[in-house]
Amino acid sequence: MARVVWHVPVTTSGTGSTTALRLFRLRDGRRCAVGFSSPEALAALLGPGQARTELAEPALRELTAPLGIDTLVLDPRMVAPSVSTPSASAPSLTAPPGTAPVGPAPAPTVQFQHR
């Protein structure tokens, strides 16, 4: 049976001596780990400079379980910035009288955020 390898984003310390998994959040706020089926898929979403390591799924699960993370996402399609609360100075999304209402774009199904 062939060993399936996931390409997992990591962060490294300034000296390069320490490597840590890069964790994300789902839209509902739960933390998750992500993996990619190829280095190209990882670079396409997170950029060519994103450090990575290769892990099998069981190894990734073992590393994240002590952190209370039980969700792994393979080949996510979108990474979005965190959602913030609108400030008092944010422009209103109310349309002028007699025009169709304008609203925000539909929310993505899954949102990832660097932790």
Protein backbone atom coordinates (compact mmCIF):
# COMPACT_ATOMS: atom_id res chain seq x y z
CA MET A 1 0.00 0.00 0.00
CA ALA A 2 1.38 3.39 -0.99
CA ARG A 3 2.04 5.93 1.74
CA VAL A 4 -0.06 9.06 1.26
CA VAL A 5 1.86 12.21 2.14
CA TRP A 6 0.26 15.54 2.96
CA HIS A 7 2.17 18.77 2.44
CA VAL A 8 1.53 20.69 5.66
CA PRO A 9 2.26 24.41 6.19
CA VAL A 10 4.63 25.19 9.04
CA THR A 11 6.29 28.21 10.59
CA THR A 12 9.95 28.34 11.49
CA SER A 13 11.72 30.43 14.08
CA GLY A 14 13.97 33.28 13.01
CA THR A 15 17.02 31.10 13.54
CA GLY A 16 15.45 28.18 11.71
CA SER A 17 16.00 25.90 14.69
CA THR A 18 12.32 25.42 15.56
CA THR A 19 9.45 24.34 13.31
CA ALA A 20 5.77 24.42 14.30
CA LEU A 21 2.58 23.44 12.50
CA ARG A 22 0.66 26.36 11.09
CA LEU A 23 -2.89 26.00 12.40
CA PHE A 24 -6.04 27.61 11.06
CA ARG A 25 -9.63 28.22 12.14
CA LEU A 26 -12.88 27.13 10.58
CA ARG A 27 -15.59 29.71 10.09
CA ASP A 28 -17.27 28.59 13.34
CA GLY A 29 -14.04 29.31 15.25
CA ARG A 30 -12.83 25.76 15.78
CA ARG A 31 -9.13 25.20 15.15
CA CYS A 32 -8.06 22.85 12.40
CA ALA A 33 -4.95 21.66 10.60
CA VAL A 34 -4.67 21.69 6.83
CA GLY A 35 -2.75 19.60 4.37
CA PHE A 36 -2.30 19.71 0.64
CA SER A 37 -2.00 16.90 -1.88
CA SER A 38 0.93 18.61 -3.62
CA PRO A 39 3.49 21.35 -2.98
CA GLU A 40 1.97 23.25 -5.92
CA ALA A 41 -1.49 23.27 -4.32
CA LEU A 42 0.00 24.62 -1.08
CA ALA A 43 1.94 27.35 -2.91
CA ALA A 44 -1.09 28.32 -5.00
CA LEU A 45 -3.14 29.05 -1.88
CA LEU A 46 -0.59 30.20 0.71
CA GLY A 47 2.14 31.58 -1.54
CA PRO A 48 5.43 30.21 -2.83
CA GLY A 49 7.32 31.30 0.28
CA GLN A 50 5.21 29.21 2.67
CA ALA A 51 7.40 26.72 4.54
CA ARG A 52 6.08 23.17 4.57
CA THR A 53 6.78 19.67 5.77
CA GLU A 54 5.54 16.28 4.63
CA LEU A 55 3.41 14.24 7.02
CA ALA A 56 1.12 11.24 6.71
CA GLU A 57 -2.43 11.80 7.96
CA PRO A 58 -1.98 9.65 11.10
CA ALA A 59 1.10 11.65 12.10
CA LEU A 60 -0.75 14.95 11.61
CA ARG A 61 -3.64 13.64 13.73
CA GLU A 62 -1.22 12.55 16.49
CA LEU A 63 0.44 15.99 16.53
CA THR A 64 -2.85 17.90 16.71
CA ALA A 65 -4.84 15.66 19.08
CA PRO A 66 -3.14 16.91 22.28
CA LEU A 67 -4.15 20.43 21.23
CA GLY A 68 -7.81 19.41 21.01
CA ILE A 69 -7.83 19.64 17.22
CA ASP A 70 -9.78 16.85 15.57
CA THR A 71 -10.51 18.46 12.20
CA LEU A 72 -8.14 18.11 9.26
CA VAL A 73 -8.84 19.78 5.93
CA LEU A 74 -7.23 18.44 2.76
CA ASP A 75 -6.75 20.90 -0.12
CA PRO A 76 -8.75 23.86 1.19
CA ARG A 77 -9.82 26.19 -1.60
CA MET A 78 -9.86 29.50 0.21
CA VAL A 79 -8.05 31.34 2.95
CA ALA A 80 -9.79 34.49 4.10
CA PRO A 81 -8.77 37.22 6.53
CA SER A 82 -10.39 37.16 9.92
CA VAL A 83 -13.78 38.74 10.26
CA SER A 84 -13.79 41.84 12.43
CA THR A 85 -16.64 43.74 14.00
CA PRO A 86 -17.56 46.82 11.92
CA SER A 87 -16.41 50.05 13.50
CA ALA A 88 -18.63 53.08 14.04
CA SER A 89 -16.90 54.81 11.13
CA ALA A 90 -17.52 51.92 8.70
CA PRO A 91 -19.70 52.93 5.74
CA SER A 92 -23.31 51.86 5.83
CA LEU A 93 -24.52 49.17 3.43
CA THR A 94 -27.94 50.80 3.22
CA ALA A 95 -28.99 51.74 -0.31
CA PRO A 96 -30.49 55.16 -1.10
CA PRO A 97 -34.30 55.28 -1.32
CA GLY A 98 -35.66 53.88 -4.59
CA THR A 99 -32.68 51.63 -5.33
CA ALA A 100 -32.12 47.96 -4.78
CA PRO A 101 -30.52 47.16 -1.42
CA VAL A 102 -26.81 46.48 -1.46
CA GLY A 103 -25.35 43.90 0.85
CA PRO A 104 -22.13 42.08 1.46
CA ALA A 105 -21.07 39.26 -0.81
CA PRO A 106 -22.23 35.80 0.24
CA ALA A 107 -20.09 34.41 3.03
CA PRO A 108 -17.78 31.51 2.22
CA THR A 109 -18.63 28.10 3.56
CA VAL A 110 -15.27 27.71 5.30
CA GLN A 111 -12.91 30.39 6.51
CA PHE A 112 -9.34 29.79 7.57
CA GLN A 113 -7.31 32.13 9.68
CA HIS A 114 -3.67 31.94 10.61
CA ARG A 115 -3.28 31.55 14.34
